[in-house]
Amino acid sequence: MFAGKKFAAFLFDMDGTLLNSIAAAERVWSAWATRHGLDVAAFLPTMHGIRAIETVRRLALPGLDPQHEADEISRAEIADVEGIHAIAGAAAFLASLPPQRWAIVTSSPRALALRRIEAVGLPLPATLVTGEDVSHGKPAPDCFRLGAERLGVDPRDCLVFEDATPGIQAAEAAGATVVVVTATHQHQMETPHATIFDYSNLTAVADAQGRLGLERIQSAAAS
């Protein structure tokens, strides 16, 4: 994969990329949307991949404080982790990486990110960038630029693992290479980027300088 290209670091989105939290998130957001008289079916596809505050702000509902609503939604999401599970192979794949060569870059608040990471048993990253760390969330490139900066690398020398359009756009704007994780996709996404379903057939390869490559594991049947 990527014709032997090596990267300084890997940057991972969280929801939909390392873990599947769709059912829990949609329970919380459905209840919120119902309270505010929204068409739940039409609304739910619009809230994935971006910060809660920007979802609420974009709706421009009269009389609502976006920060207050986002905080309430986050508290409800922290309390509801039922059914959340790791994407296949994600835990082992992360555990195989050098700790200073990868980060999680998520639109979630830090408390929610830590809760979900713990709930599904993923390794806790040494570097965690959350929606609270930037002024502009995805699709702005700020989060991926910050993740790379904290790792001491250039974002253009990073491979970003993403699943949602806002995150893909953010990675593109940061100049990173992108691989799209499709495990939670209900419909095929048209993308010019490399795609993987999950991590079960992937391995990371580090060279003598610690630069990381990504390879597919060939099955015994294929070999």
N, C-alpha and C. Protein backbone atom coordinates (compact mmCIF):
# COMPACT_ATOMS: atom_id res chain seq x y z
N MET A 1 0.84 -1.19 0.00
CA MET A 1 0.00 0.00 0.00
C MET A 1 0.88 1.25 0.00
N PHE A 2 0.53 2.22 -0.83
CA PHE A 2 1.29 3.47 -1.01
C PHE A 2 2.68 3.20 -1.61
N ALA A 3 2.84 2.09 -2.29
CA ALA A 3 4.05 1.80 -3.07
C ALA A 3 5.32 1.98 -2.25
N GLY A 4 5.29 1.48 -1.01
CA GLY A 4 6.48 1.54 -0.18
C GLY A 4 6.76 2.89 0.45
N LYS A 5 5.85 3.84 0.33
CA LYS A 5 6.05 5.16 0.91
C LYS A 5 6.07 5.06 2.43
N LYS A 6 6.94 5.82 3.06
CA LYS A 6 7.04 5.85 4.53
C LYS A 6 6.63 7.23 5.05
N PHE A 7 6.15 7.25 6.29
CA PHE A 7 5.62 8.46 6.89
C PHE A 7 6.28 8.70 8.25
N ALA A 8 6.33 9.96 8.65
CA ALA A 8 6.89 10.29 9.96
C ALA A 8 5.98 9.83 11.08
N ALA A 9 4.65 9.84 10.83
CA ALA A 9 3.70 9.49 11.88
C ALA A 9 2.35 9.15 11.27
N PHE A 10 1.53 8.45 12.07
CA PHE A 10 0.15 8.15 11.71
C PHE A 10 -0.77 8.97 12.63
N LEU A 11 -1.79 9.59 12.04
CA LEU A 11 -2.80 10.35 12.79
C LEU A 11 -4.16 9.69 12.57
N PHE A 12 -4.84 9.36 13.65
CA PHE A 12 -6.10 8.63 13.57
C PHE A 12 -7.27 9.48 14.07
N ASP A 13 -8.29 9.61 13.27
CA ASP A 13 -9.59 10.02 13.79
C ASP A 13 -10.06 8.92 14.75
N MET A 14 -11.08 9.19 15.55
CA MET A 14 -11.52 8.18 16.52
C MET A 14 -12.85 7.54 16.11
N ASP A 15 -13.95 8.27 16.20
CA ASP A 15 -15.27 7.70 15.94
C ASP A 15 -15.42 7.34 14.46
N GLY A 16 -15.74 6.08 14.21
CA GLY A 16 -15.90 5.61 12.85
C GLY A 16 -14.60 5.16 12.21
N THR A 17 -13.48 5.46 12.87
CA THR A 17 -12.16 5.12 12.33
C THR A 17 -11.46 4.09 13.20
N LEU A 18 -11.45 4.29 14.52
CA LEU A 18 -10.89 3.33 15.46
C LEU A 18 -11.97 2.59 16.23
N LEU A 19 -13.12 3.22 16.39
CA LEU A 19 -14.22 2.59 17.11
C LEU A 19 -15.55 2.98 16.49
N ASN A 20 -16.54 2.15 16.73
CA ASN A 20 -17.87 2.39 16.20
C ASN A 20 -18.78 2.83 17.33
N SER A 21 -19.11 4.11 17.33
CA SER A 21 -19.98 4.67 18.37
C SER A 21 -21.29 5.18 17.78
N ILE A 22 -21.59 4.76 16.56
CA ILE A 22 -22.74 5.34 15.85
C ILE A 22 -24.04 5.15 16.63
N ALA A 23 -24.30 3.94 17.12
CA ALA A 23 -25.58 3.69 17.80
C ALA A 23 -25.74 4.57 19.03
N ALA A 24 -24.67 4.65 19.85
CA ALA A 24 -24.74 5.46 21.06
C ALA A 24 -24.90 6.94 20.73
N ALA A 25 -24.11 7.42 19.79
CA ALA A 25 -24.18 8.84 19.42
C ALA A 25 -25.56 9.18 18.86
N GLU A 26 -26.08 8.31 18.03
CA GLU A 26 -27.39 8.61 17.43
C GLU A 26 -28.52 8.52 18.45
N ARG A 27 -28.37 7.70 19.49
CA ARG A 27 -29.37 7.70 20.56
C ARG A 27 -29.42 9.07 21.24
N VAL A 28 -28.24 9.58 21.58
CA VAL A 28 -28.17 10.86 22.27
C VAL A 28 -28.65 12.00 21.37
N TRP A 29 -28.17 12.03 20.16
CA TRP A 29 -28.54 13.12 19.25
C TRP A 29 -30.00 13.03 18.83
N SER A 30 -30.54 11.83 18.72
CA SER A 30 -31.96 11.69 18.37
C SER A 30 -32.85 12.28 19.47
N ALA A 31 -32.49 11.99 20.72
CA ALA A 31 -33.26 12.55 21.84
C ALA A 31 -33.18 14.07 21.83
N TRP A 32 -31.98 14.58 21.59
CA TRP A 32 -31.80 16.04 21.55
C TRP A 32 -32.60 16.65 20.41
N ALA A 33 -32.51 16.05 19.22
CA ALA A 33 -33.22 16.58 18.05
C ALA A 33 -34.74 16.55 18.27
N THR A 34 -35.23 15.48 18.87
CA THR A 34 -36.66 15.38 19.14
C THR A 34 -37.12 16.48 20.08
N ARG A 35 -36.32 16.75 21.13
CA ARG A 35 -36.68 17.83 22.08
C ARG A 35 -36.78 19.17 21.39
N HIS A 36 -36.02 19.35 20.32
CA HIS A 36 -35.99 20.65 19.65
C HIS A 36 -36.79 20.66 18.34
N GLY A 37 -37.61 19.65 18.16
CA GLY A 37 -38.55 19.65 17.05
C GLY A 37 -37.94 19.44 15.68
N LEU A 38 -36.78 18.80 15.61
CA LEU A 38 -36.12 18.57 14.33
C LEU A 38 -36.60 17.27 13.69
N ASP A 39 -36.45 17.19 12.39
CA ASP A 39 -36.70 15.95 11.67
C ASP A 39 -35.49 15.05 11.92
N VAL A 40 -35.67 14.07 12.79
CA VAL A 40 -34.54 13.26 13.25
C VAL A 40 -33.85 12.54 12.10
N ALA A 41 -34.62 11.92 11.22
CA ALA A 41 -34.03 11.16 10.11
C ALA A 41 -33.21 12.04 9.20
N ALA A 42 -33.67 13.26 8.96
CA ALA A 42 -32.93 14.18 8.10
C ALA A 42 -31.72 14.76 8.82
N PHE A 43 -31.84 14.93 10.12
CA PHE A 43 -30.77 15.57 10.89
C PHE A 43 -29.58 14.66 11.15
N LEU A 44 -29.81 13.40 11.51
CA LEU A 44 -28.73 12.54 11.98
C LEU A 44 -27.53 12.44 11.02
N PRO A 45 -27.73 12.32 9.71
CA PRO A 45 -26.56 12.22 8.83
C PRO A 45 -25.67 13.45 8.84
N THR A 46 -26.16 14.57 9.37
CA THR A 46 -25.40 15.83 9.32
C THR A 46 -24.50 16.03 10.53
N MET A 47 -24.59 15.15 11.57
CA MET A 47 -23.88 15.44 12.81
C MET A 47 -22.61 14.62 13.00
N HIS A 48 -22.27 13.79 12.02
CA HIS A 48 -21.08 12.95 12.15
C HIS A 48 -19.82 13.68 11.68
N GLY A 49 -18.75 13.50 12.43
CA GLY A 49 -17.44 13.97 11.97
C GLY A 49 -17.06 15.38 12.33
N ILE A 50 -17.98 16.13 12.95
CA ILE A 50 -17.66 17.50 13.34
C ILE A 50 -17.99 17.71 14.82
N ARG A 51 -17.50 18.82 15.37
CA ARG A 51 -17.72 19.09 16.79
C ARG A 51 -19.20 19.38 17.05
N ALA A 52 -19.65 18.98 18.24
CA ALA A 52 -21.05 19.19 18.61
C ALA A 52 -21.43 20.67 18.55
N ILE A 53 -20.53 21.52 19.01
CA ILE A 53 -20.85 22.95 19.03
C ILE A 53 -21.09 23.48 17.63
N GLU A 54 -20.36 22.97 16.65
CA GLU A 54 -20.55 23.44 15.28
C GLU A 54 -21.82 22.88 14.67
N THR A 55 -22.20 21.67 15.07
CA THR A 55 -23.48 21.12 14.62
C THR A 55 -24.63 21.98 15.13
N VAL A 56 -24.59 22.32 16.41
CA VAL A 56 -25.66 23.12 17.00
C VAL A 56 -25.65 24.54 16.42
N ARG A 57 -24.47 25.11 16.29
CA ARG A 57 -24.35 26.48 15.77
C ARG A 57 -24.88 26.57 14.35
N ARG A 58 -24.61 25.54 13.54
CA ARG A 58 -25.04 25.55 12.14
C ARG A 58 -26.57 25.54 12.02
N LEU A 59 -27.25 24.93 13.00
CA LEU A 59 -28.71 24.88 12.96
C LEU A 59 -29.35 26.24 13.22
N ALA A 60 -28.64 27.11 13.96
CA ALA A 60 -29.12 28.46 14.26
C ALA A 60 -30.53 28.45 14.86
N LEU A 61 -30.75 27.55 15.82
CA LEU A 61 -32.06 27.48 16.47
C LEU A 61 -32.21 28.65 17.43
N PRO A 62 -33.34 29.35 17.39
CA PRO A 62 -33.51 30.54 18.23
C PRO A 62 -33.50 30.20 19.72
N GLY A 63 -32.83 31.03 20.49
CA GLY A 63 -32.84 30.91 21.94
C GLY A 63 -31.89 29.88 22.51
N LEU A 64 -31.06 29.22 21.68
CA LEU A 64 -30.15 28.19 22.17
C LEU A 64 -28.72 28.73 22.26
N ASP A 65 -28.05 28.37 23.35
CA ASP A 65 -26.64 28.67 23.51
C ASP A 65 -25.86 27.45 23.01
N PRO A 66 -25.16 27.56 21.87
CA PRO A 66 -24.48 26.39 21.30
C PRO A 66 -23.51 25.73 22.27
N GLN A 67 -22.77 26.50 23.05
CA GLN A 67 -21.82 25.89 23.98
C GLN A 67 -22.53 25.11 25.07
N HIS A 68 -23.60 25.66 25.60
CA HIS A 68 -24.37 24.95 26.63
C HIS A 68 -24.94 23.65 26.07
N GLU A 69 -25.53 23.72 24.87
CA GLU A 69 -26.11 22.53 24.27
C GLU A 69 -25.04 21.47 23.99
N ALA A 70 -23.89 21.91 23.48
CA ALA A 70 -22.81 20.97 23.20
C ALA A 70 -22.32 20.30 24.48
N ASP A 71 -22.23 21.06 25.56
CA ASP A 71 -21.80 20.48 26.84
C ASP A 71 -22.81 19.45 27.34
N GLU A 72 -24.09 19.75 27.20
CA GLU A 72 -25.12 18.81 27.62
C GLU A 72 -25.09 17.52 26.79
N ILE A 73 -24.90 17.68 25.50
CA ILE A 73 -24.81 16.52 24.61
C ILE A 73 -23.60 15.67 24.97
N SER A 74 -22.47 16.31 25.24
CA SER A 74 -21.26 15.57 25.60
C SER A 74 -21.45 14.79 26.89
N ARG A 75 -22.11 15.40 27.88
CA ARG A 75 -22.36 14.68 29.14
C ARG A 75 -23.24 13.46 28.90
N ALA A 76 -24.23 13.61 28.04
CA ALA A 76 -25.11 12.47 27.73
C ALA A 76 -24.34 11.38 26.99
N GLU A 77 -23.43 11.76 26.11
CA GLU A 77 -22.64 10.77 25.37
C GLU A 77 -21.65 10.04 26.29
N ILE A 78 -21.09 10.76 27.24
CA ILE A 78 -20.18 10.13 28.21
C ILE A 78 -20.92 9.08 29.02
N ALA A 79 -22.19 9.35 29.31
CA ALA A 79 -22.98 8.42 30.13
C ALA A 79 -23.48 7.21 29.34
N ASP A 80 -23.42 7.27 28.01
CA ASP A 80 -23.98 6.20 27.19
C ASP A 80 -22.90 5.62 26.27
N VAL A 81 -22.30 4.53 26.70
CA VAL A 81 -21.31 3.84 25.86
C VAL A 81 -21.79 2.44 25.48
N GLU A 82 -23.07 2.18 25.68
CA GLU A 82 -23.61 0.86 25.36
C GLU A 82 -23.48 0.57 23.86
N GLY A 83 -22.94 -0.58 23.55
CA GLY A 83 -22.83 -0.99 22.15
C GLY A 83 -21.64 -0.46 21.41
N ILE A 84 -20.85 0.40 22.04
CA ILE A 84 -19.64 0.90 21.38
C ILE A 84 -18.61 -0.22 21.30
N HIS A 85 -17.95 -0.35 20.17
CA HIS A 85 -16.94 -1.39 20.04
C HIS A 85 -15.82 -0.92 19.11
N ALA A 86 -14.65 -1.51 19.29
CA ALA A 86 -13.49 -1.16 18.46
C ALA A 86 -13.66 -1.72 17.06
N ILE A 87 -13.13 -0.99 16.08
CA ILE A 87 -13.05 -1.51 14.72
C ILE A 87 -12.11 -2.72 14.73
N ALA A 88 -12.44 -3.76 13.98
CA ALA A 88 -11.65 -4.99 14.00
C ALA A 88 -10.17 -4.72 13.73
N GLY A 89 -9.33 -5.25 14.62
CA GLY A 89 -7.89 -5.15 14.47
C GLY A 89 -7.28 -3.85 14.95
N ALA A 90 -8.12 -2.87 15.34
CA ALA A 90 -7.59 -1.55 15.69
C ALA A 90 -6.69 -1.59 16.93
N ALA A 91 -7.11 -2.31 17.97
CA ALA A 91 -6.33 -2.32 19.21
C ALA A 91 -4.94 -2.89 18.98
N ALA A 92 -4.86 -4.01 18.28
CA ALA A 92 -3.56 -4.63 18.02
C ALA A 92 -2.71 -3.77 17.11
N PHE A 93 -3.34 -3.14 16.12
CA PHE A 93 -2.59 -2.28 15.20
C PHE A 93 -1.98 -1.09 15.94
N LEU A 94 -2.75 -0.43 16.79
CA LEU A 94 -2.23 0.69 17.56
C LEU A 94 -1.13 0.25 18.52
N ALA A 95 -1.33 -0.89 19.15
CA ALA A 95 -0.35 -1.38 20.12
C ALA A 95 0.98 -1.70 19.47
N SER A 96 0.97 -1.95 18.16
CA SER A 96 2.20 -2.29 17.46
C SER A 96 3.01 -1.07 17.05
N LEU A 97 2.42 0.13 17.19
CA LEU A 97 3.08 1.35 16.73
C LEU A 97 3.97 1.95 17.81
N PRO A 98 5.09 2.57 17.43
CA PRO A 98 5.91 3.29 18.42
C PRO A 98 5.07 4.42 19.03
N PRO A 99 5.04 4.55 20.37
CA PRO A 99 4.14 5.52 21.02
C PRO A 99 4.30 6.96 20.55
N GLN A 100 5.51 7.35 20.16
CA GLN A 100 5.74 8.74 19.75
C GLN A 100 5.54 8.95 18.25
N ARG A 101 4.96 7.93 17.58
CA ARG A 101 4.78 8.03 16.14
C ARG A 101 3.31 8.02 15.72
N TRP A 102 2.39 8.12 16.72
CA TRP A 102 0.98 8.15 16.36
C TRP A 102 0.20 8.99 17.36
N ALA A 103 -0.94 9.48 16.89
CA ALA A 103 -1.82 10.29 17.73
C ALA A 103 -3.26 10.05 17.31
N ILE A 104 -4.17 10.27 18.25
CA ILE A 104 -5.59 10.32 17.92
C ILE A 104 -5.99 11.79 17.82
N VAL A 105 -6.70 12.12 16.74
CA VAL A 105 -7.14 13.49 16.47
C VAL A 105 -8.64 13.44 16.25
N THR A 106 -9.41 13.86 17.24
CA THR A 106 -10.86 13.67 17.22
C THR A 106 -11.61 14.98 17.42
N SER A 107 -12.82 15.04 16.91
CA SER A 107 -13.69 16.19 17.14
C SER A 107 -14.36 16.13 18.51
N SER A 108 -14.30 14.98 19.17
CA SER A 108 -14.93 14.82 20.48
C SER A 108 -14.20 15.63 21.55
N PRO A 109 -14.89 16.03 22.62
CA PRO A 109 -14.21 16.60 23.78
C PRO A 109 -13.32 15.56 24.44
N ARG A 110 -12.33 16.01 25.20
CA ARG A 110 -11.36 15.09 25.78
C ARG A 110 -12.01 14.05 26.70
N ALA A 111 -12.93 14.49 27.56
CA ALA A 111 -13.55 13.55 28.50
C ALA A 111 -14.30 12.45 27.76
N LEU A 112 -14.98 12.80 26.68
CA LEU A 112 -15.71 11.80 25.90
C LEU A 112 -14.75 10.88 25.17
N ALA A 113 -13.69 11.44 24.61
CA ALA A 113 -12.71 10.61 23.91
C ALA A 113 -12.09 9.58 24.85
N LEU A 114 -11.68 10.02 26.02
CA LEU A 114 -11.08 9.10 26.99
C LEU A 114 -12.07 8.03 27.42
N ARG A 115 -13.32 8.42 27.61
CA ARG A 115 -14.35 7.46 28.02
C ARG A 115 -14.54 6.38 26.96
N ARG A 116 -14.60 6.79 25.69
CA ARG A 116 -14.83 5.81 24.64
C ARG A 116 -13.59 4.94 24.39
N ILE A 117 -12.42 5.53 24.44
CA ILE A 117 -11.18 4.76 24.27
C ILE A 117 -11.10 3.68 25.35
N GLU A 118 -11.39 4.06 26.59
CA GLU A 118 -11.35 3.11 27.70
C GLU A 118 -12.43 2.04 27.54
N ALA A 119 -13.62 2.45 27.11
CA ALA A 119 -14.75 1.53 27.02
C ALA A 119 -14.50 0.39 26.04
N VAL A 120 -13.74 0.67 24.97
CA VAL A 120 -13.53 -0.37 23.95
C VAL A 120 -12.16 -1.04 24.08
N GLY A 121 -11.34 -0.59 25.05
CA GLY A 121 -10.07 -1.24 25.30
C GLY A 121 -8.97 -0.90 24.32
N LEU A 122 -9.04 0.27 23.71
CA LEU A 122 -7.96 0.71 22.83
C LEU A 122 -6.80 1.25 23.65
N PRO A 123 -5.58 1.18 23.12
CA PRO A 123 -4.44 1.78 23.82
C PRO A 123 -4.63 3.29 23.93
N LEU A 124 -4.27 3.84 25.07
CA LEU A 124 -4.37 5.28 25.25
C LEU A 124 -3.18 5.95 24.56
N PRO A 125 -3.41 6.89 23.67
CA PRO A 125 -2.29 7.50 22.95
C PRO A 125 -1.50 8.44 23.84
N ALA A 126 -0.21 8.55 23.57
CA ALA A 126 0.61 9.55 24.26
C ALA A 126 0.20 10.94 23.81
N THR A 127 -0.31 11.06 22.58
CA THR A 127 -0.75 12.35 22.04
C THR A 127 -2.21 12.24 21.63
N LEU A 128 -3.04 13.07 22.25
CA LEU A 128 -4.47 13.09 21.98
C LEU A 128 -4.89 14.53 21.72
N VAL A 129 -5.36 14.80 20.51
CA VAL A 129 -5.89 16.11 20.14
C VAL A 129 -7.40 16.00 20.07
N THR A 130 -8.09 16.88 20.78
CA THR A 130 -9.56 16.83 20.82
C THR A 130 -10.16 18.12 20.29
N GLY A 131 -11.48 18.13 20.19
CA GLY A 131 -12.17 19.31 19.69
C GLY A 131 -11.96 20.54 20.55
N GLU A 132 -11.60 20.35 21.80
CA GLU A 132 -11.37 21.48 22.70
C GLU A 132 -10.02 22.15 22.48
N ASP A 133 -9.14 21.50 21.73
CA ASP A 133 -7.78 22.00 21.55
C ASP A 133 -7.64 22.97 20.40
N VAL A 134 -8.68 23.14 19.59
CA VAL A 134 -8.60 24.01 18.42
C VAL A 134 -9.77 24.98 18.38
N SER A 135 -9.55 26.09 17.72
CA SER A 135 -10.62 27.08 17.57
C SER A 135 -11.56 26.72 16.44
N HIS A 136 -11.02 26.03 15.46
CA HIS A 136 -11.82 25.66 14.29
C HIS A 136 -11.73 24.14 14.10
N GLY A 137 -12.87 23.47 14.18
CA GLY A 137 -12.89 22.02 14.03
C GLY A 137 -12.88 21.58 12.58
N LYS A 138 -12.87 20.27 12.37
CA LYS A 138 -12.95 19.72 11.02
C LYS A 138 -14.20 20.27 10.32
N PRO A 139 -14.11 20.66 9.05
CA PRO A 139 -13.09 20.35 8.04
C PRO A 139 -11.90 21.29 8.00
N ALA A 140 -11.77 22.21 8.97
CA ALA A 140 -10.55 23.02 9.04
C ALA A 140 -9.37 22.10 9.37
N PRO A 141 -8.17 22.42 8.89
CA PRO A 141 -7.02 21.53 9.09
C PRO A 141 -6.33 21.66 10.44
N ASP A 142 -6.82 22.56 11.29
CA ASP A 142 -6.13 22.89 12.54
C ASP A 142 -5.79 21.68 13.40
N CYS A 143 -6.74 20.75 13.52
CA CYS A 143 -6.54 19.61 14.42
C CYS A 143 -5.41 18.71 13.95
N PHE A 144 -5.34 18.44 12.66
CA PHE A 144 -4.26 17.58 12.16
C PHE A 144 -2.92 18.30 12.18
N ARG A 145 -2.92 19.58 11.95
CA ARG A 145 -1.68 20.34 12.07
C ARG A 145 -1.18 20.31 13.51
N LEU A 146 -2.11 20.43 14.46
CA LEU A 146 -1.72 20.40 15.87
C LEU A 146 -1.22 19.02 16.26
N GLY A 147 -1.88 17.97 15.79
CA GLY A 147 -1.43 16.62 16.08
C GLY A 147 -0.01 16.38 15.59
N ALA A 148 0.27 16.81 14.37
CA ALA A 148 1.61 16.67 13.82
C ALA A 148 2.62 17.49 14.62
N GLU A 149 2.24 18.71 14.97
CA GLU A 149 3.13 19.57 15.74
C GLU A 149 3.49 18.94 17.08
N ARG A 150 2.51 18.36 17.75
CA ARG A 150 2.78 17.73 19.05
C ARG A 150 3.68 16.51 18.93
N LEU A 151 3.66 15.88 17.77
CA LEU A 151 4.55 14.75 17.53
C LEU A 151 5.91 15.20 16.99
N GLY A 152 6.01 16.48 16.70
CA GLY A 152 7.27 17.02 16.20
C GLY A 152 7.53 16.70 14.74
N VAL A 153 6.46 16.57 13.94
CA VAL A 153 6.61 16.24 12.53
C VAL A 153 5.80 17.21 11.68
N ASP A 154 6.03 17.16 10.39
CA ASP A 154 5.30 17.97 9.42
C ASP A 154 4.01 17.24 9.05
N PRO A 155 2.85 17.91 9.06
CA PRO A 155 1.61 17.22 8.68
C PRO A 155 1.66 16.64 7.27
N ARG A 156 2.46 17.22 6.40
CA ARG A 156 2.60 16.71 5.03
C ARG A 156 3.37 15.40 5.00
N ASP A 157 3.96 15.04 6.14
CA ASP A 157 4.70 13.78 6.25
C ASP A 157 3.93 12.77 7.09
N CYS A 158 2.61 12.97 7.19
CA CYS A 158 1.77 12.08 8.01
C CYS A 158 0.76 11.34 7.15
N LEU A 159 0.38 10.16 7.63
CA LEU A 159 -0.72 9.40 7.06
C LEU A 159 -1.91 9.53 8.01
N VAL A 160 -3.02 10.04 7.51
CA VAL A 160 -4.23 10.24 8.31
C VAL A 160 -5.24 9.14 7.99
N PHE A 161 -5.76 8.52 9.05
CA PHE A 161 -6.82 7.51 8.95
C PHE A 161 -8.14 8.21 9.29
N GLU A 162 -9.07 8.25 8.35
CA GLU A 162 -10.33 8.96 8.53
C GLU A 162 -11.48 8.15 7.96
N ASP A 163 -12.70 8.51 8.35
CA ASP A 163 -13.87 7.84 7.79
C ASP A 163 -14.89 8.80 7.23
N ALA A 164 -14.90 10.06 7.70
CA ALA A 164 -15.98 11.00 7.36
C ALA A 164 -15.46 12.14 6.51
N THR A 165 -16.34 12.68 5.69
CA THR A 165 -15.97 13.73 4.74
C THR A 165 -15.32 14.95 5.42
N PRO A 166 -15.86 15.46 6.54
CA PRO A 166 -15.20 16.62 7.15
C PRO A 166 -13.76 16.34 7.57
N GLY A 167 -13.51 15.14 8.10
CA GLY A 167 -12.16 14.78 8.50
C GLY A 167 -11.24 14.59 7.31
N ILE A 168 -11.76 14.00 6.26
CA ILE A 168 -10.96 13.82 5.04
C ILE A 168 -10.57 15.19 4.49
N GLN A 169 -11.52 16.12 4.47
CA GLN A 169 -11.24 17.46 3.98
C GLN A 169 -10.20 18.17 4.85
N ALA A 170 -10.29 17.95 6.17
CA ALA A 170 -9.32 18.55 7.09
C ALA A 170 -7.92 18.01 6.83
N ALA A 171 -7.81 16.70 6.63
CA ALA A 171 -6.52 16.09 6.35
C ALA A 171 -5.95 16.58 5.03
N GLU A 172 -6.80 16.68 4.03
CA GLU A 172 -6.36 17.18 2.73
C GLU A 172 -5.84 18.61 2.86
N ALA A 173 -6.56 19.44 3.61
CA ALA A 173 -6.16 20.83 3.78
C ALA A 173 -4.84 20.96 4.54
N ALA A 174 -4.56 19.97 5.41
CA ALA A 174 -3.29 19.96 6.16
C ALA A 174 -2.14 19.44 5.30
N GLY A 175 -2.46 18.90 4.13
CA GLY A 175 -1.43 18.39 3.24
C GLY A 175 -1.03 16.95 3.50
N ALA A 176 -1.79 16.25 4.35
CA ALA A 176 -1.46 14.88 4.70
C ALA A 176 -1.93 13.90 3.63
N THR A 177 -1.37 12.71 3.65
CA THR A 177 -1.88 11.59 2.86
C THR A 177 -3.02 10.95 3.64
N VAL A 178 -4.04 10.48 2.95
CA VAL A 178 -5.25 9.99 3.61
C VAL A 178 -5.53 8.54 3.22
N VAL A 179 -5.94 7.74 4.21
CA VAL A 179 -6.53 6.44 3.96
C VAL A 179 -7.90 6.43 4.62
N VAL A 180 -8.91 6.00 3.89
CA VAL A 180 -10.29 6.04 4.36
C VAL A 180 -10.68 4.67 4.92
N VAL A 181 -11.19 4.67 6.16
CA VAL A 181 -11.66 3.45 6.82
C VAL A 181 -13.16 3.34 6.59
N THR A 182 -13.61 2.23 6.02
CA THR A 182 -15.01 2.12 5.59
C THR A 182 -15.86 1.19 6.44
N ALA A 183 -15.35 0.71 7.57
CA ALA A 183 -16.05 -0.29 8.36
C ALA A 183 -17.46 0.13 8.78
N THR A 184 -17.67 1.42 9.02
CA THR A 184 -18.98 1.88 9.48
C THR A 184 -19.82 2.50 8.37
N HIS A 185 -19.32 2.50 7.15
CA HIS A 185 -20.06 3.12 6.05
C HIS A 185 -21.26 2.26 5.64
N GLN A 186 -22.40 2.90 5.51
CA GLN A 186 -23.59 2.20 5.04
C GLN A 186 -23.71 2.25 3.53
N HIS A 187 -23.02 3.22 2.93
CA HIS A 187 -23.04 3.38 1.48
C HIS A 187 -21.61 3.58 0.99
N GLN A 188 -21.34 3.16 -0.21
CA GLN A 188 -20.01 3.30 -0.77
C GLN A 188 -19.65 4.77 -0.92
N MET A 189 -18.45 5.13 -0.49
CA MET A 189 -17.99 6.51 -0.62
C MET A 189 -17.10 6.64 -1.84
N GLU A 190 -17.39 7.62 -2.68
CA GLU A 190 -16.52 7.90 -3.81
C GLU A 190 -15.35 8.74 -3.30
N THR A 191 -14.15 8.21 -3.41
CA THR A 191 -12.98 8.92 -2.90
C THR A 191 -11.76 8.59 -3.75
N PRO A 192 -10.88 9.56 -3.93
CA PRO A 192 -9.64 9.29 -4.65
C PRO A 192 -8.58 8.64 -3.77
N HIS A 193 -8.87 8.52 -2.47
CA HIS A 193 -7.88 8.03 -1.52
C HIS A 193 -7.93 6.50 -1.40
N ALA A 194 -6.83 5.95 -0.92
CA ALA A 194 -6.79 4.53 -0.60
C ALA A 194 -7.83 4.23 0.47
N THR A 195 -8.40 3.03 0.44
CA THR A 195 -9.41 2.65 1.43
C THR A 195 -9.04 1.32 2.07
N ILE A 196 -9.46 1.17 3.33
CA ILE A 196 -9.38 -0.11 4.03
C ILE A 196 -10.72 -0.33 4.71
N PHE A 197 -11.11 -1.57 4.91
CA PHE A 197 -12.35 -1.84 5.64
C PHE A 197 -12.09 -1.76 7.14
N ASP A 198 -11.05 -2.48 7.61
CA ASP A 198 -10.66 -2.41 9.01
C ASP A 198 -9.16 -2.68 9.08
N TYR A 199 -8.66 -3.03 10.25
CA TYR A 199 -7.21 -3.17 10.45
C TYR A 199 -6.76 -4.63 10.53
N SER A 200 -7.69 -5.56 10.31
CA SER A 200 -7.37 -6.96 10.56
C SER A 200 -6.36 -7.52 9.57
N ASN A 201 -6.24 -6.93 8.39
CA ASN A 201 -5.28 -7.42 7.40
C ASN A 201 -4.18 -6.41 7.12
N LEU A 202 -3.88 -5.57 8.12
CA LEU A 202 -2.86 -4.55 7.96
C LEU A 202 -1.71 -4.74 8.93
N THR A 203 -0.55 -4.32 8.52
CA THR A 203 0.59 -4.28 9.43
C THR A 203 1.37 -3.00 9.17
N ALA A 204 1.94 -2.44 10.21
CA ALA A 204 2.81 -1.27 10.08
C ALA A 204 4.25 -1.74 10.07
N VAL A 205 5.04 -1.15 9.19
CA VAL A 205 6.44 -1.52 9.07
C VAL A 205 7.29 -0.28 9.30
N ALA A 206 8.23 -0.36 10.25
CA ALA A 206 9.10 0.78 10.55
C ALA A 206 10.49 0.50 9.99
N ASP A 207 11.10 1.53 9.38
CA ASP A 207 12.46 1.37 8.89
C ASP A 207 13.46 1.73 9.99
N ALA A 208 14.73 1.75 9.66
CA ALA A 208 15.77 1.99 10.66
C ALA A 208 15.68 3.38 11.28
N GLN A 209 15.06 4.32 10.58
CA GLN A 209 14.89 5.69 11.09
C GLN A 209 13.56 5.86 11.83
N GLY A 210 12.79 4.79 11.93
CA GLY A 210 11.51 4.86 12.62
C GLY A 210 10.37 5.34 11.77
N ARG A 211 10.59 5.53 10.48
CA ARG A 211 9.52 5.96 9.58
C ARG A 211 8.59 4.77 9.30
N LEU A 212 7.30 5.07 9.21
CA LEU A 212 6.29 4.02 9.17
C LEU A 212 5.72 3.81 7.77
N GLY A 213 5.59 2.56 7.41
CA GLY A 213 4.90 2.18 6.19
C GLY A 213 3.69 1.34 6.53
N LEU A 214 2.82 1.17 5.58
CA LEU A 214 1.58 0.41 5.78
C LEU A 214 1.51 -0.67 4.72
N GLU A 215 1.32 -1.90 5.14
CA GLU A 215 1.25 -3.01 4.21
C GLU A 215 0.04 -3.88 4.51
N ARG A 216 -0.55 -4.43 3.45
CA ARG A 216 -1.62 -5.40 3.62
C ARG A 216 -0.99 -6.77 3.89
N ILE A 217 -1.58 -7.51 4.80
CA ILE A 217 -1.12 -8.87 5.08
C ILE A 217 -1.77 -9.80 4.07
N GLN A 218 -0.95 -10.52 3.34
CA GLN A 218 -1.49 -11.44 2.34
C GLN A 218 -2.00 -12.69 3.03
N SER A 219 -3.22 -13.07 2.73
CA SER A 219 -3.81 -14.25 3.34
C SER A 219 -3.13 -15.50 2.83
N ALA A 220 -3.21 -16.59 3.59
CA ALA A 220 -2.62 -17.86 3.19
C ALA A 220 -3.23 -18.35 1.88
N ALA A 221 -4.55 -18.12 1.74
CA ALA A 221 -5.24 -18.56 0.53
C ALA A 221 -4.72 -17.82 -0.69
N ALA A 222 -4.45 -16.49 -0.50
CA ALA A 222 -3.97 -15.69 -1.61
C ALA A 222 -2.55 -16.03 -1.98
N SER A 223 -1.75 -16.44 -0.96
CA SER A 223 -0.36 -16.76 -1.23
C SER A 223 -0.23 -18.15 -1.83
